[in-house]
C-alpha cells in the first residue's frame, strides 16, 4: 500500500445540496480524530465500527467549519483497500474547500487526478481494465455506454482475458518443461496439437476485435458531418435533431460560417453532430474558411449527412459534394418535401449510390427513417444490449491485435516445422500483450498516463 494519506473533493466544484471530501491512507483516522467533533461527545471516531455514519461537526481548533455526516470505512474493505473517510457536508463551494484545506492542514496531501482509483489498482482490488471502466461510467453518453462500462467494471473483460492467458501460459510452461526435461515430456507431434489449441484462442480474440469498432462508436458516438449547399436546410436539420434553436436559420445564404458542434441521442444512438458552412465557391474570406473546414469535417466523419434542397435544381456545387462523399458512409436527405419537388430520388440515385431519404426538417418529417437508416448502416438494424463482451477501449483493441498477430506467427512456425522454442517466444509475446489489458504486464509510465485522465476525487 502507498504510505501517505491523500484527500480530495469528490463532488463537482459548484454550489449544490451536498459536497463530499474523501480521505484515504494510513493516517485517515488520525486526521479525522483531530478535526471531527461529535454532537454528544462520544469516543473518538477511529474507535467506531467500520461502515458506519456519524453526525457532528468539522472543526479547526475551536472554530466550527460545518455540520457534517462522516462515513468511516476501515481497510481492507474499502474502494482503495486503505482506511477511508468520506465527509458529507453542505455543498457550497467555499465550505467544501474549507474542509479540504483543514484535512490537508492536519496531515493529508491533495490527491492527484484518479489517485483513489489508481490506489485501488495498485492495491489489487481491481485490474487495469476495471480501473479504466470507472472513468467510462462517469463519462457514459448513452445507455449502451453505461451498460458496457458497468459490465467491464464488474470484470467482463478481465474474465475473458484471464481465461485466454491461462491457456497460453500452460502451453508455454509445457514447452519449457519439455525442453528442460525431454525424458519426461514428449514433444513428438506437439506442433499439430498446439495448432488445434491456438485456433479457438485466436477465434475468441477475433470475436472481441469485431466488437471493437461498433463498441467504440456506441460508446463515444458517431462523428457526423451535416453538409450541403448554402440554404439547403442543414441548420434546420440540426435544430430538428437537437430539439431546440441551436443554429441560426435564415433565408440568407451563407449564414453558417463556422462549425457548430452538438451531441444528440437518437434512441440509444449518440451522434456527435457537426453543422458545417454551406459548400460553394465564394470570394468572402471568412465564408471560404468555413467552406474549407466543412470539407475537412467530411474527411474525419464516420457518417456524412448530405442535405439537398429538393425545391431547387442541382448545380456544380452538388457535383463537387457528391465527389467529396464518394468514399464515405453517407445518407442523402432530400429536404423541403413540403414544397413542390424539383429534385427526385431517382435523379439522386443516378448520381450517387448512397441511401436517399425525403424529409422536411422544418416540419420534422422523415427523421424516424433517418434514425432507422443509421441503425442499418452501423448496427445491422438493431443495437444489441445483450451480455456480449464489448471492447470499447482503443488500448485494449491494440493489445488484442498484437496478441492475435503473435499467435499467427506461432502458426507459421508450426507450418514451417520450426524448433519448439520459436513457439514459446511468440506465445509469450501474446501472453504479455493480453496482460497489458488488465495491468499484468504494463509499465509505470502507461499507468500514470491512464490515471492522469481521471477527474479529481476519483
Protein backbone atom coordinates (compact mmCIF):
# COMPACT_ATOMS: atom_id res chain seq x y z
CA UNK A 1 0.00 0.00 0.00
CA UNK A 2 1.02 3.62 -0.55
CA UNK A 3 2.36 5.25 2.62
CA UNK A 4 0.97 8.79 2.53
CA UNK A 5 -2.64 9.89 3.01
CA UNK A 6 -4.49 11.70 0.26
CA UNK A 7 -7.61 13.88 0.19
CA UNK A 8 -9.78 15.47 -2.48
CA UNK A 9 -13.21 16.90 -3.15
CA UNK A 10 -15.20 14.05 -4.72
CA UNK A 11 -18.14 16.16 -5.94
CA UNK A 12 -18.33 18.89 -8.58
CA UNK A 13 -16.99 22.31 -7.69
CA UNK A 14 -20.33 24.11 -7.86
CA UNK A 15 -22.94 25.04 -5.29
CA UNK A 16 -25.13 22.02 -4.55
CA UNK A 17 -27.06 20.34 -1.76
CA UNK A 18 -24.20 18.08 -0.65
CA UNK A 19 -20.43 18.09 -1.05
CA UNK A 20 -18.08 15.18 -0.33
CA UNK A 21 -14.46 15.30 0.79
CA UNK A 22 -12.73 11.93 0.58
CA UNK A 23 -9.64 10.87 2.58
CA UNK A 24 -7.64 7.65 2.05
CA UNK A 25 -4.48 6.29 3.64
CA UNK A 26 -2.80 5.15 6.85
CA UNK A 27 -3.37 8.48 8.62
CA UNK A 28 -7.04 8.91 7.63
CA UNK A 29 -8.42 8.08 11.09
CA UNK A 30 -5.68 10.02 12.88
CA UNK A 31 -6.66 13.11 10.84
CA UNK A 32 -10.41 12.77 11.32
CA UNK A 33 -9.95 12.35 15.09
CA UNK A 34 -8.31 15.80 15.14
CA UNK A 35 -10.98 17.63 13.15
CA UNK A 36 -14.27 15.82 13.93
CA UNK A 37 -16.42 16.71 16.92
CA UNK A 38 -19.50 14.65 17.69
CA UNK A 39 -22.73 16.22 18.92
CA UNK A 40 -22.86 14.12 22.08
CA UNK A 41 -19.20 13.83 23.00
CA UNK A 42 -18.81 10.14 22.09
CA UNK A 43 -15.44 8.41 21.89
CA UNK A 44 -13.03 9.01 19.02
CA UNK A 45 -14.42 8.27 15.57
CA UNK A 46 -11.47 5.95 14.85
CA UNK A 47 -12.80 3.68 17.62
CA UNK A 48 -16.21 3.30 15.94
CA UNK A 49 -17.16 0.28 13.85
CA UNK A 50 -16.36 0.25 10.15
CA UNK A 51 -19.03 1.16 7.61
CA UNK A 52 -20.94 3.41 9.97
CA UNK A 53 -22.09 7.03 9.64
CA UNK A 54 -21.68 9.69 12.33
CA UNK A 55 -23.28 13.11 12.78
CA UNK A 56 -21.28 16.05 14.09
CA UNK A 57 -19.03 18.95 13.13
CA UNK A 58 -15.75 19.50 11.31
CA UNK A 59 -13.65 21.87 13.37
CA UNK A 60 -10.29 23.60 13.18
CA UNK A 61 -9.33 24.10 16.80
CA UNK A 62 -12.24 25.99 18.37
CA UNK A 63 -13.74 27.07 15.05
CA UNK A 64 -16.67 25.08 13.68
CA UNK A 65 -16.46 24.86 9.87
CA UNK A 66 -19.60 22.88 9.04
CA UNK A 67 -22.22 20.43 10.27
CA UNK A 68 -21.48 17.08 8.61
CA UNK A 69 -22.10 13.36 8.30
CA UNK A 70 -18.90 11.28 8.39
CA UNK A 71 -18.68 7.80 6.87
CA UNK A 72 -15.87 5.62 8.19
CA UNK A 73 -14.53 2.67 6.19
CA UNK A 74 -11.71 0.54 7.56
CA UNK A 75 -9.19 -1.34 5.43
CA UNK A 76 -9.23 -3.64 3.58
CA UNK A 77 -12.98 -3.45 2.81
CA UNK A 78 -12.82 -0.10 1.03
CA UNK A 79 -12.54 1.21 -2.51
CA UNK A 80 -8.77 1.71 -2.19
CA UNK A 81 -8.21 -1.11 0.35
CA UNK A 82 -6.93 1.62 2.67
CA UNK A 83 -8.58 3.31 5.65
CA UNK A 84 -11.04 5.72 4.12
CA UNK A 85 -13.13 8.64 5.39
CA UNK A 86 -15.88 10.43 3.48
CA UNK A 87 -17.12 13.74 4.87
CA UNK A 88 -20.61 14.68 3.64
CA UNK A 89 -21.00 18.41 4.14
CA UNK A 90 -23.13 21.25 2.78
CA UNK A 91 -22.41 21.70 -0.90
CA UNK A 92 -21.31 25.32 -1.05
CA UNK A 93 -18.04 25.77 -2.92
CA UNK A 94 -16.45 27.74 -0.06
CA UNK A 95 -17.38 25.35 2.75
CA UNK A 96 -16.22 22.25 0.82
CA UNK A 97 -12.92 23.96 0.03
CA UNK A 98 -12.50 24.96 3.69
CA UNK A 99 -12.99 21.36 4.84
CA UNK A 100 -10.43 20.09 2.31
CA UNK A 101 -7.94 22.74 3.45
CA UNK A 102 -8.47 21.64 7.06
CA UNK A 103 -7.91 17.97 6.19
CA UNK A 104 -4.67 18.90 4.42
CA UNK A 105 -3.61 21.14 7.32
CA UNK A 106 -3.82 18.16 9.68
CA UNK A 107 -1.73 15.73 7.66
CA UNK A 108 -3.15 14.76 4.25
CA UNK A 109 -1.86 15.87 0.88
CA UNK A 110 -4.00 16.81 -2.16
CA UNK A 111 -4.77 13.76 -4.32
CA UNK A 112 -3.76 13.71 -7.95
CA UNK A 113 -6.46 13.12 -10.61
CA UNK A 114 -7.58 9.49 -10.44
CA UNK A 115 -5.34 8.66 -7.48
CA UNK A 116 -8.06 6.92 -5.47
CA UNK A 117 -8.75 4.54 -8.35
CA UNK A 118 -5.02 4.20 -9.01
CA UNK A 119 -4.58 3.02 -5.41
CA UNK A 120 -7.43 0.54 -5.87
CA UNK A 121 -5.48 -0.85 -8.84
CA UNK A 122 -2.07 -0.84 -7.15
CA UNK A 123 -3.53 -2.49 -4.05
CA UNK A 124 -5.04 -5.28 -6.15
CA UNK A 125 -8.72 -4.50 -5.67
CA UNK A 126 -9.37 -4.01 -9.41
CA UNK A 127 -7.43 -4.69 -12.59
CA UNK A 128 -6.47 -2.02 -15.11
CA UNK A 129 -9.44 -2.67 -17.43
CA UNK A 130 -11.80 -2.19 -14.47
CA UNK A 131 -9.99 1.00 -13.46
CA UNK A 132 -10.42 2.43 -16.96
CA UNK A 133 -14.11 1.49 -16.92
CA UNK A 134 -14.62 3.68 -13.82
CA UNK A 135 -13.98 6.78 -15.93
CA UNK A 136 -16.08 5.32 -18.74
CA UNK A 137 -19.03 5.02 -16.34
CA UNK A 138 -18.62 8.67 -15.35
CA UNK A 139 -18.38 9.80 -18.99
CA UNK A 140 -21.10 7.49 -20.40
CA UNK A 141 -23.16 9.30 -23.05
CA UNK A 142 -25.92 6.75 -23.62
CA UNK A 143 -27.46 3.59 -22.17
CA UNK A 144 -25.17 1.29 -24.16
CA UNK A 145 -22.02 3.08 -22.99
CA UNK A 146 -23.20 2.90 -19.39
CA UNK A 147 -24.12 -0.80 -19.63
CA UNK A 148 -20.84 -1.89 -21.25
CA UNK A 149 -18.81 0.23 -18.82
CA UNK A 150 -20.60 -1.34 -15.86
CA UNK A 151 -20.02 -4.84 -17.27
CA UNK A 152 -16.31 -4.05 -17.63
CA UNK A 153 -16.26 -2.63 -14.10
CA UNK A 154 -17.72 -5.94 -12.88
CA UNK A 155 -14.85 -7.74 -14.63
CA UNK A 156 -16.24 -8.93 -18.00
CA UNK A 157 -13.01 -8.09 -19.88
CA UNK A 158 -10.84 -9.36 -17.02
CA UNK A 159 -12.60 -12.74 -17.05
CA UNK A 160 -12.12 -13.31 -20.78
CA UNK A 161 -8.51 -12.12 -20.82
CA UNK A 162 -7.55 -14.24 -17.80
CA UNK A 163 -9.01 -17.36 -19.42
CA UNK A 164 -7.08 -16.74 -22.64
CA UNK A 165 -3.83 -16.09 -20.77
CA UNK A 166 -4.21 -19.26 -18.67
CA UNK A 167 -4.47 -21.37 -21.83
CA UNK A 168 -1.42 -19.69 -23.37
CA UNK A 169 0.79 -19.86 -20.25
CA UNK A 170 0.02 -23.58 -19.84
CA UNK A 171 1.47 -24.27 -23.30
CA UNK A 172 4.49 -22.06 -22.60
CA UNK A 173 5.16 -23.97 -19.40
CA UNK A 174 4.78 -27.31 -21.20
CA UNK A 175 7.26 -26.33 -23.92
CA UNK A 176 9.81 -25.03 -21.39
CA UNK A 177 9.43 -28.17 -19.26
CA UNK A 178 9.89 -30.42 -22.30
CA UNK A 179 12.99 -28.55 -23.42
CA UNK A 180 14.49 -28.83 -19.91
CA UNK A 181 13.40 -32.42 -19.26
CA UNK A 182 12.89 -34.28 -22.57
CA UNK A 183 12.87 -37.66 -20.81
CA UNK A 184 9.55 -36.93 -19.09
CA UNK A 185 7.87 -34.57 -21.58
CA UNK A 186 7.46 -35.67 -25.20
CA UNK A 187 7.16 -33.02 -27.92
CA UNK A 188 6.53 -35.53 -30.72
CA UNK A 189 3.61 -34.24 -32.79
CA UNK A 190 3.21 -31.30 -30.42
CA UNK A 191 3.02 -28.77 -33.29
CA UNK A 192 -0.30 -30.18 -34.52
CA UNK A 193 -1.69 -30.30 -31.00
CA UNK A 194 -0.63 -26.69 -30.33
CA UNK A 195 -2.22 -25.57 -33.61
CA UNK A 196 -5.56 -27.04 -32.53
CA UNK A 197 -5.27 -25.23 -29.18
CA UNK A 198 -4.33 -21.87 -30.71
CA UNK A 199 -7.21 -21.79 -33.22
CA UNK A 200 -10.03 -21.33 -30.66
CA UNK A 201 -7.93 -18.75 -28.79
CA UNK A 202 -7.49 -16.76 -31.99
CA UNK A 203 -11.20 -17.11 -32.76
CA UNK A 204 -12.05 -15.68 -29.33
CA UNK A 205 -9.68 -12.75 -29.84
CA UNK A 206 -11.16 -12.16 -33.30
CA UNK A 207 -14.66 -12.06 -31.78
CA UNK A 208 -13.52 -9.37 -29.37
CA UNK A 209 -11.87 -7.39 -32.17
CA UNK A 210 -15.10 -7.48 -34.20
CA UNK A 211 -16.91 -5.74 -31.32
CA UNK A 212 -14.25 -3.02 -31.05
CA UNK A 213 -15.35 -0.71 -33.88
CA UNK A 214 -19.05 -0.77 -33.04
CA UNK A 215 -18.26 -0.72 -29.35
CA UNK A 216 -16.15 2.42 -29.70
CA UNK A 217 -18.81 4.13 -31.84
CA UNK A 218 -21.62 3.21 -29.44
CA UNK A 219 -19.57 4.42 -26.51
CA UNK A 220 -18.16 7.65 -27.97
CA UNK A 221 -20.81 8.43 -30.58
CA UNK A 222 -20.85 8.58 -34.37
CA UNK A 223 -18.91 11.59 -35.66
CA UNK A 224 -21.47 13.06 -38.05
CA UNK A 225 -20.95 15.91 -40.52
CA UNK A 226 -24.00 17.69 -41.95
CA UNK A 227 -23.02 19.12 -45.34
CA UNK A 228 -24.68 20.69 -48.34
CA UNK A 229 -25.01 23.90 -50.31
CA UNK A 230 -25.97 27.15 -48.55
CA UNK A 231 -29.66 27.33 -47.57
CA UNK A 232 -30.24 23.59 -48.12
CA UNK A 233 -31.62 23.26 -44.59
CA UNK A 234 -28.58 21.96 -42.70
CA UNK A 235 -29.12 24.20 -39.68
CA UNK A 236 -32.85 23.44 -39.66
CA UNK A 237 -31.98 19.72 -39.60
CA UNK A 238 -29.59 20.26 -36.67
CA UNK A 239 -32.30 22.15 -34.77
CA UNK A 240 -34.80 19.39 -35.54
CA UNK A 241 -32.42 16.70 -34.24
CA UNK A 242 -31.40 18.67 -31.16
CA UNK A 243 -34.96 19.79 -30.42
CA UNK A 244 -34.09 23.46 -29.91
CA UNK A 245 -32.93 26.51 -31.84
CA UNK A 246 -29.22 25.71 -31.68
CA UNK A 247 -28.29 27.08 -35.10
CA UNK A 248 -29.32 30.36 -36.72
CA UNK A 249 -31.79 29.75 -39.56
CA UNK A 250 -32.46 32.47 -42.17
CA UNK A 251 -33.22 32.70 -45.86
CA UNK A 252 -29.86 34.38 -46.41
CA UNK A 253 -27.32 32.02 -47.98
CA UNK A 254 -24.04 31.64 -46.10
CA UNK A 255 -25.39 32.36 -42.59
CA UNK A 256 -23.41 29.45 -41.09
CA UNK A 257 -19.77 30.47 -41.41
CA UNK A 258 -18.19 28.33 -38.73
CA UNK A 259 -18.67 24.79 -37.49
CA UNK A 260 -21.37 24.16 -34.88
CA UNK A 261 -20.96 21.01 -32.78
CA UNK A 262 -23.74 19.29 -30.83
CA UNK A 263 -24.15 15.88 -29.24
CA UNK A 264 -27.56 14.29 -29.58
CA UNK A 265 -29.08 10.94 -28.65
CA UNK A 266 -31.43 9.22 -31.08
CA UNK A 267 -32.98 6.37 -29.07
CA UNK A 268 -29.65 4.99 -27.87
CA UNK A 269 -27.52 6.19 -30.81
CA UNK A 270 -25.17 9.06 -29.91
CA UNK A 271 -24.34 11.42 -32.76
CA UNK A 272 -21.53 13.94 -32.43
CA UNK A 273 -23.06 16.30 -34.99
CA UNK A 274 -21.14 18.98 -36.85
CA UNK A 275 -23.20 21.55 -38.76
CA UNK A 276 -20.90 23.00 -41.41
CA UNK A 277 -20.88 26.05 -43.61
CA UNK A 278 -22.61 25.69 -46.96
CA UNK A 279 -20.20 24.38 -49.59
CA UNK A 280 -19.93 26.74 -52.54
CA UNK A 281 -17.41 28.93 -54.35
CA UNK A 282 -17.13 32.31 -52.64
CA UNK A 283 -14.95 35.41 -52.58
CA UNK A 284 -15.82 36.11 -48.96
CA UNK A 285 -12.63 35.27 -46.99
CA UNK A 286 -14.45 34.33 -43.78
CA UNK A 287 -17.02 32.17 -45.59
CA UNK A 288 -14.24 30.50 -47.59
CA UNK A 289 -12.56 29.42 -44.31
CA UNK A 290 -15.89 27.91 -43.24
CA UNK A 291 -16.20 26.05 -46.55
CA UNK A 292 -12.66 24.65 -46.20
CA UNK A 293 -13.49 23.47 -42.68
CA UNK A 294 -16.64 21.81 -43.96
CA UNK A 295 -14.58 19.82 -46.46
CA UNK A 296 -12.15 18.81 -43.69
CA UNK A 297 -15.03 17.64 -41.49
CA UNK A 298 -16.09 15.22 -44.25
CA UNK A 299 -12.68 13.54 -44.11
CA UNK A 300 -12.89 13.00 -40.34
CA UNK A 301 -16.54 11.92 -40.17
CA UNK A 302 -17.86 8.38 -39.51
CA UNK A 303 -21.11 9.48 -41.15
CA UNK A 304 -21.92 12.26 -43.61
CA UNK A 305 -25.47 13.60 -43.91
CA UNK A 306 -25.71 15.41 -47.23
CA UNK A 307 -28.68 17.78 -47.25
CA UNK A 308 -30.14 18.69 -50.66
CA UNK A 309 -32.77 21.36 -51.19
CA UNK A 310 -35.22 19.33 -53.30
CA UNK A 311 -37.08 22.52 -54.34
CA UNK A 312 -34.04 23.81 -56.28
CA UNK A 313 -32.15 22.47 -59.26
CA UNK A 314 -28.83 20.73 -58.65
CA UNK A 315 -25.67 22.67 -59.55
CA UNK A 316 -21.93 22.29 -59.93
CA UNK A 317 -21.58 22.61 -56.13
CA UNK A 318 -23.66 19.43 -55.75
CA UNK A 319 -21.35 17.63 -58.17
CA UNK A 320 -18.39 18.71 -56.01
CA UNK A 321 -20.07 17.48 -52.82
CA UNK A 322 -21.00 14.13 -54.39
CA UNK A 323 -17.36 13.66 -55.32
CA UNK A 324 -16.24 14.52 -51.77
CA UNK A 325 -18.59 11.96 -50.16
CA UNK A 326 -17.96 9.16 -52.66
CA UNK A 327 -15.87 7.06 -50.23
CA UNK A 328 -17.77 7.94 -47.03
CA UNK A 329 -20.72 6.41 -45.16
CA UNK A 330 -23.33 8.86 -46.41
CA UNK A 331 -27.07 9.43 -46.20
CA UNK A 332 -28.56 11.90 -48.68
CA UNK A 333 -31.54 13.86 -47.38
CA UNK A 334 -33.87 15.48 -49.93
CA UNK A 335 -35.06 18.30 -47.73
CA UNK A 336 -38.17 20.50 -48.07
CA UNK A 337 -40.50 17.68 -49.05
CA UNK A 338 -43.32 20.04 -48.01
CA UNK A 339 -42.57 22.10 -51.16
CA UNK A 340 -43.03 21.13 -54.82
CA UNK A 341 -40.07 18.84 -55.65
CA UNK A 342 -37.62 19.73 -58.40
CA UNK A 343 -35.03 17.07 -57.48
CA UNK A 344 -36.35 13.49 -57.16
CA UNK A 345 -34.98 10.35 -55.51
CA UNK A 346 -34.50 8.72 -58.89
CA UNK A 347 -32.39 11.65 -60.05
CA UNK A 348 -30.16 11.48 -56.96
CA UNK A 349 -29.77 7.71 -57.27
CA UNK A 350 -28.45 8.17 -60.79
CA UNK A 351 -25.73 10.46 -59.40
CA UNK A 352 -24.85 8.52 -56.26
CA UNK A 353 -25.21 5.01 -54.83
CA UNK A 354 -25.95 6.38 -51.34
CA UNK A 355 -29.19 5.94 -49.39
CA UNK A 356 -31.68 8.73 -50.23
CA UNK A 357 -34.45 9.86 -47.84
CA UNK A 358 -37.07 12.58 -48.30
CA UNK A 359 -37.51 14.79 -45.25
CA UNK A 360 -38.83 18.11 -44.07
CA UNK A 361 -36.50 19.48 -41.41
CA UNK A 362 -38.91 22.37 -40.88
CA UNK A 363 -41.86 20.05 -40.13
CA UNK A 364 -39.73 17.29 -38.52
CA UNK A 365 -40.80 14.68 -41.10
CA UNK A 366 -38.59 11.77 -42.17
CA UNK A 367 -36.40 11.86 -39.02
CA UNK A 368 -37.57 8.38 -37.94
CA UNK A 369 -36.45 6.91 -41.27
CA UNK A 370 -33.08 8.67 -40.87
CA UNK A 371 -32.66 7.04 -37.46
CA UNK A 372 -33.50 3.57 -38.79
CA UNK A 373 -31.09 4.06 -41.70
CA UNK A 374 -28.26 4.92 -39.28
CA UNK A 375 -29.02 1.74 -37.33
CA UNK A 376 -28.92 -0.32 -40.53
CA UNK A 377 -25.68 1.30 -41.61
CA UNK A 378 -23.74 0.86 -38.35
CA UNK A 379 -25.53 -1.81 -36.32
CA UNK A 380 -27.28 -4.07 -38.85
CA UNK A 381 -30.68 -2.68 -37.96
CA UNK A 382 -30.56 -3.04 -34.19
CA UNK A 383 -28.47 -2.12 -31.19
CA UNK A 384 -27.71 -5.24 -29.19
CA UNK A 385 -27.97 -4.80 -25.42
CA UNK A 386 -27.05 -8.39 -24.59
CA UNK A 387 -24.35 -9.80 -22.32
CA UNK A 388 -21.67 -10.00 -25.03
CA UNK A 389 -18.31 -8.56 -24.00
CA UNK A 390 -17.62 -5.39 -25.99
CA UNK A 391 -14.20 -3.84 -26.45
CA UNK A 392 -14.63 -0.06 -26.24
CA UNK A 393 -11.07 0.97 -25.43
CA UNK A 394 -8.53 1.66 -28.19
CA UNK A 395 -5.66 0.48 -25.97
CA UNK A 396 -7.39 -2.87 -25.44
CA UNK A 397 -8.06 -3.22 -29.17
CA UNK A 398 -4.38 -2.61 -29.98
CA UNK A 399 -3.23 -5.19 -27.42
CA UNK A 400 -5.69 -7.78 -28.77
CA UNK A 401 -4.50 -7.17 -32.33
CA UNK A 402 -0.86 -7.56 -31.26
CA UNK A 403 -1.68 -10.80 -29.41
CA UNK A 404 -3.51 -12.14 -32.47
CA UNK A 405 -0.52 -11.30 -34.70
CA UNK A 406 1.84 -13.12 -32.31
CA UNK A 407 -0.34 -16.24 -32.41
CA UNK A 408 -0.31 -16.09 -36.21
CA UNK A 409 3.49 -16.21 -36.01
CA UNK A 410 3.20 -19.34 -33.86
CA UNK A 411 1.04 -20.96 -36.55
CA UNK A 412 3.60 -20.06 -39.21
CA UNK A 413 6.38 -21.57 -37.10
CA UNK A 414 4.34 -24.77 -36.78
CA UNK A 415 3.69 -24.81 -40.51
CA UNK A 416 7.40 -24.32 -41.23
CA UNK A 417 8.32 -27.01 -38.65
CA UNK A 418 10.49 -24.63 -36.67
CA UNK A 419 12.00 -25.67 -33.29
CA UNK A 420 9.61 -25.53 -30.31
CA UNK A 421 11.43 -22.62 -28.64
CA UNK A 422 10.20 -20.44 -31.52
CA UNK A 423 6.65 -21.28 -30.45
CA UNK A 424 7.47 -20.25 -26.89
CA UNK A 425 8.78 -16.79 -27.86
CA UNK A 426 5.65 -15.76 -29.77
CA UNK A 427 3.31 -17.37 -27.26
CA UNK A 428 4.97 -15.27 -24.55
CA UNK A 429 4.51 -12.13 -26.64
CA UNK A 430 0.79 -12.90 -26.97
CA UNK A 431 0.57 -13.60 -23.23
CA UNK A 432 2.23 -10.28 -22.36
CA UNK A 433 0.12 -8.26 -24.82
CA UNK A 434 -3.05 -9.63 -23.23
CA UNK A 435 -1.52 -8.84 -19.86
CA UNK A 436 -1.29 -5.14 -20.70
CA UNK A 437 -5.10 -5.01 -20.88
CA UNK A 438 -5.54 -5.98 -17.24
CA UNK A 439 -2.31 -4.42 -15.97
CA UNK A 440 -0.25 -7.59 -15.53
CA UNK A 441 2.48 -6.51 -17.95
CA UNK A 442 2.35 -2.75 -18.03
CA UNK A 443 4.93 -0.02 -17.45
CA UNK A 444 4.56 2.63 -14.76
CA UNK A 445 4.50 5.45 -17.33
CA UNK A 446 1.43 3.96 -19.01
CA UNK A 447 -0.33 3.55 -15.65
CA UNK A 448 0.38 7.19 -14.80
CA UNK A 449 -0.86 8.30 -18.22
CA UNK A 450 -4.13 6.38 -17.84
CA UNK A 451 -4.95 7.75 -14.38
CA UNK A 452 -3.93 11.32 -15.26
CA UNK A 453 -7.08 11.47 -17.43
CA UNK A 454 -9.37 10.83 -14.46
CA UNK A 455 -11.35 13.53 -12.71
CA UNK A 456 -10.22 14.89 -9.34
CA UNK A 457 -11.51 12.98 -6.32
CA UNK A 458 -11.91 9.67 -8.19
